[in-house]
Amino acid sequence: MSVNLDKSEGEGRVQESLEITLRPIELSDVDDFMVWAADDKVTRFCLWDTYTSKEQALNYIKNCAIPHPWLRVICIENCAIGAISVTPGSGFDRCRGELGYVLSYNYWGKGIVTRAVQMVASTIFKEWPYLERLQAIVATDNNGSQRVLEKAGFQLEGLLRKYRVIKGKTKDEVMFSLLSTDNFLV
């Protein structure tokens, strides 16, 4: 998918020279990673705190991101501008996976994460045939992320009251899901 990076032109504008790709994260992505992970605007809705050092980022990439069962960086021209992951359930929850994503602030409002979510949905059910449900839990005040999921074909299921503590405050969140049997556009 091609994306225009001029925020004034709004979401969905196409520029032929830019291609969105997903690939495994590498230690060499640390400087790109720090662009979003060290930005309070980006980490506002994340469960993790804003990163404050390159060493902290390298430790995360090496010990958590690389060994993660399914984590990819979202790239434009092989530059990592965000990340997207699916965390599988286990035991009785093995039929579902939880989707998570983050994107550098400079790329918000361009349809990039929506496209990345669509790319994941088009492959994850094939890669993990036991997976029947892909779900995402989003803070009620994170309107941008809710729009991403709606545009990617996810269904809003309901409100989870006082569901999780984010940045020291208990938040209401909403549950979205996409089933392997749903008709969704890629």
C-alpha atoms as a PDB file:
ATOM      1  CA  MET A   1       0.000   0.000   0.000  1.00  0.00           C
ATOM      2  CA  SER A   2       1.250   3.450  -0.829  1.00  0.00           C
ATOM      3  CA  VAL A   3       0.736   6.367   1.511  1.00  0.00           C
ATOM      4  CA  ASN A   4       1.123  10.128   1.189  1.00  0.00           C
ATOM      5  CA  LEU A   5       2.883  11.572   4.227  1.00  0.00           C
ATOM      6  CA  ASP A   6       1.450  15.094   3.929  1.00  0.00           C
ATOM      7  CA  LYS A   7      -0.867  15.385   6.949  1.00  0.00           C
ATOM      8  CA  SER A   8      -2.779  18.251   5.357  1.00  0.00           C
ATOM      9  CA  GLU A   9      -4.122  15.940   2.674  1.00  0.00           C
ATOM     10  CA  GLY A  10      -5.661  13.547   5.179  1.00  0.00           C
ATOM     11  CA  GLU A  11      -6.033   9.829   5.471  1.00  0.00           C
ATOM     12  CA  GLY A  12      -6.053   7.528   2.519  1.00  0.00           C
ATOM     13  CA  ARG A  13      -4.163   9.662  -0.007  1.00  0.00           C
ATOM     14  CA  VAL A  14      -1.856   7.593  -2.172  1.00  0.00           C
ATOM     15  CA  GLN A  15       1.721   8.351  -3.125  1.00  0.00           C
ATOM     16  CA  GLU A  16       3.076   5.653  -5.442  1.00  0.00           C
ATOM     17  CA  SER A  17       6.685   5.694  -4.173  1.00  0.00           C
ATOM     18  CA  LEU A  18       5.996   4.547  -0.589  1.00  0.00           C
ATOM     19  CA  GLU A  19       5.228   0.931   0.285  1.00  0.00           C
ATOM     20  CA  ILE A  20       4.097  -0.309   3.718  1.00  0.00           C
ATOM     21  CA  THR A  21       5.770  -3.562   4.723  1.00  0.00           C
ATOM     22  CA  LEU A  22       5.877  -5.689   7.851  1.00  0.00           C
ATOM     23  CA  ARG A  23       9.024  -7.525   8.914  1.00  0.00           C
ATOM     24  CA  PRO A  24      10.570  -8.987  12.081  1.00  0.00           C
ATOM     25  CA  ILE A  25      12.236  -6.439  14.341  1.00  0.00           C
ATOM     26  CA  GLU A  26      16.038  -6.347  14.516  1.00  0.00           C
ATOM     27  CA  LEU A  27      18.488  -4.824  16.986  1.00  0.00           C
ATOM     28  CA  SER A  28      19.489  -2.376  14.242  1.00  0.00           C
ATOM     29  CA  ASP A  29      15.955  -0.889  14.479  1.00  0.00           C
ATOM     30  CA  VAL A  30      16.722   0.612  17.884  1.00  0.00           C
ATOM     31  CA  ASP A  31      17.061   4.231  16.705  1.00  0.00           C
ATOM     32  CA  ASP A  32      13.801   4.025  14.752  1.00  0.00           C
ATOM     33  CA  PHE A  33      12.168   2.302  17.750  1.00  0.00           C
ATOM     34  CA  MET A  34      13.208   5.166  20.041  1.00  0.00           C
ATOM     35  CA  VAL A  35      11.378   7.678  17.818  1.00  0.00           C
ATOM     36  CA  TRP A  36       8.011   6.284  18.885  1.00  0.00           C
ATOM     37  CA  ALA A  37       8.884   4.596  22.178  1.00  0.00           C
ATOM     38  CA  ALA A  38      10.363   7.795  23.648  1.00  0.00           C
ATOM     39  CA  ASP A  39       7.419   9.986  22.598  1.00  0.00           C
ATOM     40  CA  ASP A  40       4.811  10.664  25.308  1.00  0.00           C
ATOM     41  CA  LYS A  41       2.169  11.438  22.649  1.00  0.00           C
ATOM     42  CA  VAL A  42       2.616   7.932  21.268  1.00  0.00           C
ATOM     43  CA  THR A  43       2.902   6.046  24.550  1.00  0.00           C
ATOM     44  CA  ARG A  44      -0.076   7.807  26.141  1.00  0.00           C
ATOM     45  CA  PHE A  45      -2.352   4.796  25.549  1.00  0.00           C
ATOM     46  CA  CYS A  46       0.332   2.107  25.808  1.00  0.00           C
ATOM     47  CA  LEU A  47       0.553  -0.238  28.781  1.00  0.00           C
ATOM     48  CA  TRP A  48       4.301   0.383  28.955  1.00  0.00           C
ATOM     49  CA  ASP A  49       6.005   3.574  30.037  1.00  0.00           C
ATOM     50  CA  THR A  50       7.825   5.930  27.680  1.00  0.00           C
ATOM     51  CA  TYR A  51      11.366   4.726  27.041  1.00  0.00           C
ATOM     52  CA  THR A  52      14.134   6.953  28.331  1.00  0.00           C
ATOM     53  CA  SER A  53      17.302   5.255  27.046  1.00  0.00           C
ATOM     54  CA  LYS A  54      18.665   3.372  24.083  1.00  0.00           C
ATOM     55  CA  GLU A  55      19.915   0.675  26.472  1.00  0.00           C
ATOM     56  CA  GLN A  56      16.374   0.131  27.734  1.00  0.00           C
ATOM     57  CA  ALA A  57      15.151  -0.167  24.137  1.00  0.00           C
ATOM     58  CA  LEU A  58      17.897  -2.618  23.161  1.00  0.00           C
ATOM     59  CA  ASN A  59      17.036  -4.763  26.170  1.00  0.00           C
ATOM     60  CA  TYR A  60      13.357  -4.818  25.172  1.00  0.00           C
ATOM     61  CA  ILE A  61      14.097  -5.616  21.526  1.00  0.00           C
ATOM     62  CA  LYS A  62      16.550  -8.395  22.424  1.00  0.00           C
ATOM     63  CA  ASN A  63      14.619 -10.019  25.276  1.00  0.00           C
ATOM     64  CA  CYS A  64      10.961  -9.392  24.419  1.00  0.00           C
ATOM     65  CA  ALA A  65      10.368  -8.228  20.849  1.00  0.00           C
ATOM     66  CA  ILE A  66      12.644 -10.601  18.909  1.00  0.00           C
ATOM     67  CA  PRO A  67      11.468 -13.729  20.801  1.00  0.00           C
ATOM     68  CA  HIS A  68       7.789 -12.637  20.659  1.00  0.00           C
ATOM     69  CA  PRO A  69       5.622 -15.218  18.838  1.00  0.00           C
ATOM     70  CA  TRP A  70       4.382 -12.654  16.274  1.00  0.00           C
ATOM     71  CA  LEU A  71       5.734  -9.103  16.352  1.00  0.00           C
ATOM     72  CA  ARG A  72       6.598  -7.110  13.242  1.00  0.00           C
ATOM     73  CA  VAL A  73       7.772  -3.580  12.625  1.00  0.00           C
ATOM     74  CA  ILE A  74       5.692  -1.450  10.305  1.00  0.00           C
ATOM     75  CA  CYS A  75       8.053  -0.057   7.676  1.00  0.00           C
ATOM     76  CA  ILE A  76       8.133   2.516   4.934  1.00  0.00           C
ATOM     77  CA  GLU A  77      11.167   2.026   2.698  1.00  0.00           C
ATOM     78  CA  ASN A  78      12.507  -0.436   5.326  1.00  0.00           C
ATOM     79  CA  CYS A  79      12.470   2.301   8.008  1.00  0.00           C
ATOM     80  CA  ALA A  80      10.626   1.054  11.112  1.00  0.00           C
ATOM     81  CA  ILE A  81       7.904   3.608  11.931  1.00  0.00           C
ATOM     82  CA  GLY A  82       5.893   1.450  14.332  1.00  0.00           C
ATOM     83  CA  ALA A  83       5.149  -2.086  15.416  1.00  0.00           C
ATOM     84  CA  ILE A  84       2.259  -4.520  15.356  1.00  0.00           C
ATOM     85  CA  SER A  85       1.877  -7.779  17.253  1.00  0.00           C
ATOM     86  CA  VAL A  86      -0.445 -10.680  17.861  1.00  0.00           C
ATOM     87  CA  THR A  87      -0.103 -12.384  21.226  1.00  0.00           C
ATOM     88  CA  PRO A  88      -1.593 -15.864  21.191  1.00  0.00           C
ATOM     89  CA  GLY A  89      -3.827 -17.139  23.938  1.00  0.00           C
ATOM     90  CA  SER A  90      -2.987 -20.431  25.621  1.00  0.00           C
ATOM     91  CA  GLY A  91      -4.908 -23.293  27.175  1.00  0.00           C
ATOM     92  CA  PHE A  92      -8.622 -22.605  27.015  1.00  0.00           C
ATOM     93  CA  ASP A  93      -7.849 -19.250  25.340  1.00  0.00           C
ATOM     94  CA  ARG A  94      -5.791 -20.728  22.487  1.00  0.00           C
ATOM     95  CA  CYS A  95      -8.534 -19.915  19.949  1.00  0.00           C
ATOM     96  CA  ARG A  96      -7.812 -16.191  20.228  1.00  0.00           C
ATOM     97  CA  GLY A  97      -4.992 -13.732  19.827  1.00  0.00           C
ATOM     98  CA  GLU A  98      -4.667 -10.170  21.030  1.00  0.00           C
ATOM     99  CA  LEU A  99      -3.677  -7.503  18.549  1.00  0.00           C
ATOM    100  CA  GLY A 100      -1.537  -4.554  19.560  1.00  0.00           C
ATOM    101  CA  TYR A 101       0.084  -1.762  17.562  1.00  0.00           C
ATOM    102  CA  VAL A 102       1.984   1.481  17.896  1.00  0.00           C
ATOM    103  CA  LEU A 103       2.993   4.073  15.309  1.00  0.00           C
ATOM    104  CA  SER A 104       5.319   7.072  15.281  1.00  0.00           C
ATOM    105  CA  TYR A 105       3.353  10.304  15.713  1.00  0.00           C
ATOM    106  CA  ASN A 106       4.581  11.738  12.385  1.00  0.00           C
ATOM    107  CA  TYR A 107       2.648   8.999  10.569  1.00  0.00           C
ATOM    108  CA  TRP A 108      -0.697   9.272  12.383  1.00  0.00           C
ATOM    109  CA  GLY A 109      -3.786   9.934  10.284  1.00  0.00           C
ATOM    110  CA  LYS A 110      -2.438   8.388   7.085  1.00  0.00           C
ATOM    111  CA  GLY A 111      -4.200   5.010   7.114  1.00  0.00           C
ATOM    112  CA  ILE A 112      -0.901   3.224   7.768  1.00  0.00           C
ATOM    113  CA  VAL A 113      -1.991   1.296  10.870  1.00  0.00           C
ATOM    114  CA  THR A 114      -5.346   0.461   9.293  1.00  0.00           C
ATOM    115  CA  ARG A 115      -3.477  -1.092   6.373  1.00  0.00           C
ATOM    116  CA  ALA A 116      -1.055  -2.902   8.715  1.00  0.00           C
ATOM    117  CA  VAL A 117      -4.006  -4.355  10.676  1.00  0.00           C
ATOM    118  CA  GLN A 118      -5.583  -5.510   7.416  1.00  0.00           C
ATOM    119  CA  MET A 119      -2.289  -7.106   6.373  1.00  0.00           C
ATOM    120  CA  VAL A 120      -2.072  -8.976   9.685  1.00  0.00           C
ATOM    121  CA  ALA A 121      -5.703 -10.118   9.486  1.00  0.00           C
ATOM    122  CA  SER A 122      -5.161 -11.449   5.972  1.00  0.00           C
ATOM    123  CA  THR A 123      -2.268 -13.656   7.095  1.00  0.00           C
ATOM    124  CA  ILE A 124      -2.549 -14.528  10.786  1.00  0.00           C
ATOM    125  CA  PHE A 125      -5.516 -16.880  10.413  1.00  0.00           C
ATOM    126  CA  LYS A 126      -3.536 -18.791   7.761  1.00  0.00           C
ATOM    127  CA  GLU A 127      -0.292 -18.819   9.748  1.00  0.00           C
ATOM    128  CA  TRP A 128      -2.091 -19.951  12.902  1.00  0.00           C
ATOM    129  CA  PRO A 129      -4.950 -22.205  11.702  1.00  0.00           C
ATOM    130  CA  TYR A 130      -6.094 -22.830  15.301  1.00  0.00           C
ATOM    131  CA  LEU A 131      -6.790 -19.094  15.707  1.00  0.00           C
ATOM    132  CA  GLU A 132     -10.481 -18.249  15.376  1.00  0.00           C
ATOM    133  CA  ARG A 133     -10.576 -14.792  16.936  1.00  0.00           C
ATOM    134  CA  LEU A 134      -8.359 -11.726  16.746  1.00  0.00           C
ATOM    135  CA  GLN A 135      -9.226  -9.166  19.392  1.00  0.00           C
ATOM    136  CA  ALA A 136      -8.091  -5.713  20.432  1.00  0.00           C
ATOM    137  CA  ILE A 137      -8.827  -3.834  23.637  1.00  0.00           C
ATOM    138  CA  VAL A 138      -8.730  -0.042  23.371  1.00  0.00           C
ATOM    139  CA  ALA A 139      -9.159   2.773  25.890  1.00  0.00           C
ATOM    140  CA  THR A 140     -12.484   4.543  25.409  1.00  0.00           C
ATOM    141  CA  ASP A 141     -10.700   7.872  24.887  1.00  0.00           C
ATOM    142  CA  ASN A 142      -8.419   6.464  22.163  1.00  0.00           C
ATOM    143  CA  ASN A 143     -10.689   7.412  19.274  1.00  0.00           C
ATOM    144  CA  GLY A 144      -7.984   7.056  16.620  1.00  0.00           C
ATOM    145  CA  SER A 145      -7.332   3.432  17.495  1.00  0.00           C
ATOM    146  CA  GLN A 146     -11.042   2.667  17.542  1.00  0.00           C
ATOM    147  CA  ARG A 147     -11.362   4.116  14.015  1.00  0.00           C
ATOM    148  CA  VAL A 148      -8.431   1.971  12.852  1.00  0.00           C
ATOM    149  CA  LEU A 149     -10.167  -1.194  14.008  1.00  0.00           C
ATOM    150  CA  GLU A 150     -13.549  -0.239  12.557  1.00  0.00           C
ATOM    151  CA  LYS A 151     -11.990   0.562   9.171  1.00  0.00           C
ATOM    152  CA  ALA A 152     -10.116  -2.770   9.250  1.00  0.00           C
ATOM    153  CA  GLY A 153     -13.409  -4.660   9.670  1.00  0.00           C
ATOM    154  CA  PHE A 154     -13.352  -5.363  13.401  1.00  0.00           C
ATOM    155  CA  GLN A 155     -16.644  -5.415  15.300  1.00  0.00           C
ATOM    156  CA  LEU A 156     -17.185  -3.418  18.475  1.00  0.00           C
ATOM    157  CA  GLU A 157     -18.333  -5.887  21.113  1.00  0.00           C
ATOM    158  CA  GLY A 158     -18.766  -3.793  24.204  1.00  0.00           C
ATOM    159  CA  LEU A 159     -17.519  -1.699  27.072  1.00  0.00           C
ATOM    160  CA  LEU A 160     -15.191  -3.110  29.713  1.00  0.00           C
ATOM    161  CA  ARG A 161     -15.703  -0.856  32.735  1.00  0.00           C
ATOM    162  CA  LYS A 162     -12.664  -0.014  34.882  1.00  0.00           C
ATOM    163  CA  TYR A 163     -10.820  -2.733  32.973  1.00  0.00           C
ATOM    164  CA  ARG A 164      -7.153  -1.823  33.207  1.00  0.00           C
ATOM    165  CA  VAL A 165      -4.745   0.587  34.853  1.00  0.00           C
ATOM    166  CA  ILE A 166      -2.917   2.689  32.260  1.00  0.00           C
ATOM    167  CA  LYS A 167      -0.373   5.256  33.401  1.00  0.00           C
ATOM    168  CA  GLY A 168      -1.657   4.997  36.967  1.00  0.00           C
ATOM    169  CA  LYS A 169      -5.340   5.526  36.146  1.00  0.00           C
ATOM    170  CA  THR A 170      -8.056   2.923  35.862  1.00  0.00           C
ATOM    171  CA  LYS A 171      -9.556   3.125  32.390  1.00  0.00           C
ATOM    172  CA  ASP A 172     -12.735   1.981  30.734  1.00  0.00           C
ATOM    173  CA  GLU A 173     -11.904   0.094  27.544  1.00  0.00           C
ATOM    174  CA  VAL A 174     -13.783  -1.304  24.595  1.00  0.00           C
ATOM    175  CA  MET A 175     -13.394  -4.733  23.021  1.00  0.00           C
ATOM    176  CA  PHE A 176     -13.149  -5.229  19.259  1.00  0.00           C
ATOM    177  CA  SER A 177     -12.892  -8.533  17.438  1.00  0.00           C
ATOM    178  CA  LEU A 178     -12.454 -10.085  14.037  1.00  0.00           C
ATOM    179  CA  LEU A 179     -13.282 -13.745  13.516  1.00  0.00           C
ATOM    180  CA  SER A 180     -11.663 -16.056  11.010  1.00  0.00           C
ATOM    181  CA  THR A 181     -15.138 -16.581   9.557  1.00  0.00           C
ATOM    182  CA  ASP A 182     -15.921 -12.851   9.163  1.00  0.00           C
ATOM    183  CA  ASN A 183     -15.977 -11.341   5.727  1.00  0.00           C
ATOM    184  CA  PHE A 184     -13.334  -8.639   5.752  1.00  0.00           C
ATOM    185  CA  LEU A 185     -11.550  -6.757   3.019  1.00  0.00           C
ATOM    186  CA  VAL A 186      -7.815  -7.000   2.606  1.00  0.00           C
END
